[in-house]
Amino acid sequence: MAAEAQLFRAQGAIYQEYTMYKHLALAGSILGILGVLICFISGLARIAGYYYLVGFQSTTVFSAGVGMMVFACLVKLETLSTPPRG
């Protein structure tokens, strides 16, 4: 059963049945990847000479991508540092 379940570690212990940690780790990964893509697209647009993307300046969109990456790091850090309750 341990091989089937995805294992997560928090403070040296393995937690298989705590789905909240799985969801937080997945949300952190998705937000991080999305932030990198937004930064990449806005950087390419700025280099190509497009100063506005979807009605916002490309530097503003880049800042939003950086903010998403920072939030993803905080979510991932929370899953690593907090032991499950129960």
C-alpha atoms as a PDB file:
ATOM      1  CA  MET A   1       0.000   0.000   0.000  1.00  0.00           C
ATOM      2  CA  ALA A   2       2.914   2.345   0.692  1.00  0.00           C
ATOM      3  CA  ALA A   3       4.123   1.931  -2.879  1.00  0.00           C
ATOM      4  CA  GLU A   4       0.706   2.904  -4.247  1.00  0.00           C
ATOM      5  CA  ALA A   5       0.217   6.022  -2.142  1.00  0.00           C
ATOM      6  CA  GLN A   6       2.190   9.126  -2.853  1.00  0.00           C
ATOM      7  CA  LEU A   7       4.423   9.873   0.103  1.00  0.00           C
ATOM      8  CA  PHE A   8       5.004  13.295   1.563  1.00  0.00           C
ATOM      9  CA  ARG A   9       7.484  14.153   4.267  1.00  0.00           C
ATOM     10  CA  ALA A  10       7.031  16.766   6.958  1.00  0.00           C
ATOM     11  CA  GLN A  11       9.498  17.014   9.815  1.00  0.00           C
ATOM     12  CA  GLY A  12      11.013  13.614   9.082  1.00  0.00           C
ATOM     13  CA  ALA A  13       7.750  11.622   9.182  1.00  0.00           C
ATOM     14  CA  ILE A  14       5.876  10.063   6.272  1.00  0.00           C
ATOM     15  CA  TYR A  15       2.230  11.069   5.873  1.00  0.00           C
ATOM     16  CA  GLN A  16       0.218   8.995   3.432  1.00  0.00           C
ATOM     17  CA  GLU A  17      -3.354   9.549   4.519  1.00  0.00           C
ATOM     18  CA  TYR A  18      -3.270  13.336   4.896  1.00  0.00           C
ATOM     19  CA  THR A  19      -4.737  14.561   1.634  1.00  0.00           C
ATOM     20  CA  MET A  20      -4.520  18.245   2.609  1.00  0.00           C
ATOM     21  CA  TYR A  21      -0.730  18.104   2.331  1.00  0.00           C
ATOM     22  CA  LYS A  22      -1.009  16.484  -1.062  1.00  0.00           C
ATOM     23  CA  HIS A  23      -3.380  19.208  -2.248  1.00  0.00           C
ATOM     24  CA  LEU A  24      -1.204  22.014  -0.876  1.00  0.00           C
ATOM     25  CA  ALA A  25       1.911  20.564  -2.469  1.00  0.00           C
ATOM     26  CA  LEU A  26       0.082  20.198  -5.782  1.00  0.00           C
ATOM     27  CA  ALA A  27      -1.259  23.770  -5.556  1.00  0.00           C
ATOM     28  CA  GLY A  28       2.243  25.062  -4.835  1.00  0.00           C
ATOM     29  CA  SER A  29       3.651  23.225  -7.825  1.00  0.00           C
ATOM     30  CA  ILE A  30       0.917  24.443 -10.163  1.00  0.00           C
ATOM     31  CA  LEU A  31       1.273  28.047  -8.982  1.00  0.00           C
ATOM     32  CA  GLY A  32       5.048  27.898  -9.375  1.00  0.00           C
ATOM     33  CA  ILE A  33       4.866  26.546 -12.907  1.00  0.00           C
ATOM     34  CA  LEU A  34       2.188  29.067 -13.840  1.00  0.00           C
ATOM     35  CA  GLY A  35       4.286  31.908 -12.409  1.00  0.00           C
ATOM     36  CA  VAL A  36       7.325  30.818 -14.412  1.00  0.00           C
ATOM     37  CA  LEU A  37       5.252  30.658 -17.595  1.00  0.00           C
ATOM     38  CA  ILE A  38       3.786  34.111 -17.007  1.00  0.00           C
ATOM     39  CA  CYS A  39       7.252  35.567 -16.393  1.00  0.00           C
ATOM     40  CA  PHE A  40       8.601  33.852 -19.495  1.00  0.00           C
ATOM     41  CA  ILE A  41       5.759  35.074 -21.724  1.00  0.00           C
ATOM     42  CA  SER A  42       5.922  38.637 -20.428  1.00  0.00           C
ATOM     43  CA  GLY A  43       9.709  38.692 -20.809  1.00  0.00           C
ATOM     44  CA  LEU A  44       9.497  37.478 -24.386  1.00  0.00           C
ATOM     45  CA  ALA A  45       6.773  40.020 -25.140  1.00  0.00           C
ATOM     46  CA  ARG A  46       8.895  42.829 -23.729  1.00  0.00           C
ATOM     47  CA  ILE A  47      11.920  41.748 -25.785  1.00  0.00           C
ATOM     48  CA  ALA A  48       9.750  41.506 -28.906  1.00  0.00           C
ATOM     49  CA  GLY A  49       8.545  45.080 -28.407  1.00  0.00           C
ATOM     50  CA  TYR A  50       5.051  44.444 -27.065  1.00  0.00           C
ATOM     51  CA  TYR A  51       4.776  46.727 -24.069  1.00  0.00           C
ATOM     52  CA  TYR A  52       1.170  45.790 -23.241  1.00  0.00           C
ATOM     53  CA  LEU A  53      -0.296  42.328 -22.662  1.00  0.00           C
ATOM     54  CA  VAL A  54      -4.048  41.870 -22.139  1.00  0.00           C
ATOM     55  CA  GLY A  55      -4.368  45.542 -21.245  1.00  0.00           C
ATOM     56  CA  PHE A  56      -1.535  45.637 -18.696  1.00  0.00           C
ATOM     57  CA  GLN A  57       2.074  46.675 -19.059  1.00  0.00           C
ATOM     58  CA  SER A  58       4.369  43.717 -19.570  1.00  0.00           C
ATOM     59  CA  THR A  59       6.386  44.653 -16.483  1.00  0.00           C
ATOM     60  CA  THR A  60       3.189  44.497 -14.406  1.00  0.00           C
ATOM     61  CA  VAL A  61       2.442  41.038 -15.776  1.00  0.00           C
ATOM     62  CA  PHE A  62       6.018  40.029 -14.977  1.00  0.00           C
ATOM     63  CA  SER A  63       5.569  41.254 -11.398  1.00  0.00           C
ATOM     64  CA  ALA A  64       2.386  39.199 -11.099  1.00  0.00           C
ATOM     65  CA  GLY A  65       4.330  36.119 -12.224  1.00  0.00           C
ATOM     66  CA  VAL A  66       7.018  36.769  -9.636  1.00  0.00           C
ATOM     67  CA  GLY A  67       4.322  37.156  -6.991  1.00  0.00           C
ATOM     68  CA  MET A  68       2.826  33.816  -7.974  1.00  0.00           C
ATOM     69  CA  MET A  69       6.216  32.139  -7.652  1.00  0.00           C
ATOM     70  CA  VAL A  70       6.777  33.660  -4.212  1.00  0.00           C
ATOM     71  CA  PHE A  71       3.330  32.516  -3.080  1.00  0.00           C
ATOM     72  CA  ALA A  72       4.064  29.022  -4.420  1.00  0.00           C
ATOM     73  CA  CYS A  73       7.288  28.937  -2.395  1.00  0.00           C
ATOM     74  CA  LEU A  74       5.407  29.952   0.743  1.00  0.00           C
ATOM     75  CA  VAL A  75       2.781  27.239   0.194  1.00  0.00           C
ATOM     76  CA  LYS A  76       5.445  24.578  -0.345  1.00  0.00           C
ATOM     77  CA  LEU A  77       7.332  25.770   2.733  1.00  0.00           C
ATOM     78  CA  GLU A  78       4.140  25.536   4.791  1.00  0.00           C
ATOM     79  CA  THR A  79       3.637  21.909   3.767  1.00  0.00           C
ATOM     80  CA  LEU A  80       7.194  21.063   4.744  1.00  0.00           C
ATOM     81  CA  SER A  81       7.295  22.845   8.082  1.00  0.00           C
ATOM     82  CA  THR A  82       3.857  22.090   9.562  1.00  0.00           C
ATOM     83  CA  PRO A  83       3.111  18.674  11.048  1.00  0.00           C
ATOM     84  CA  PRO A  84      -0.384  17.275  10.364  1.00  0.00           C
ATOM     85  CA  ARG A  85      -2.985  17.540  13.092  1.00  0.00           C
ATOM     86  CA  GLY A  86      -4.964  14.599  14.283  1.00  0.00           C
END
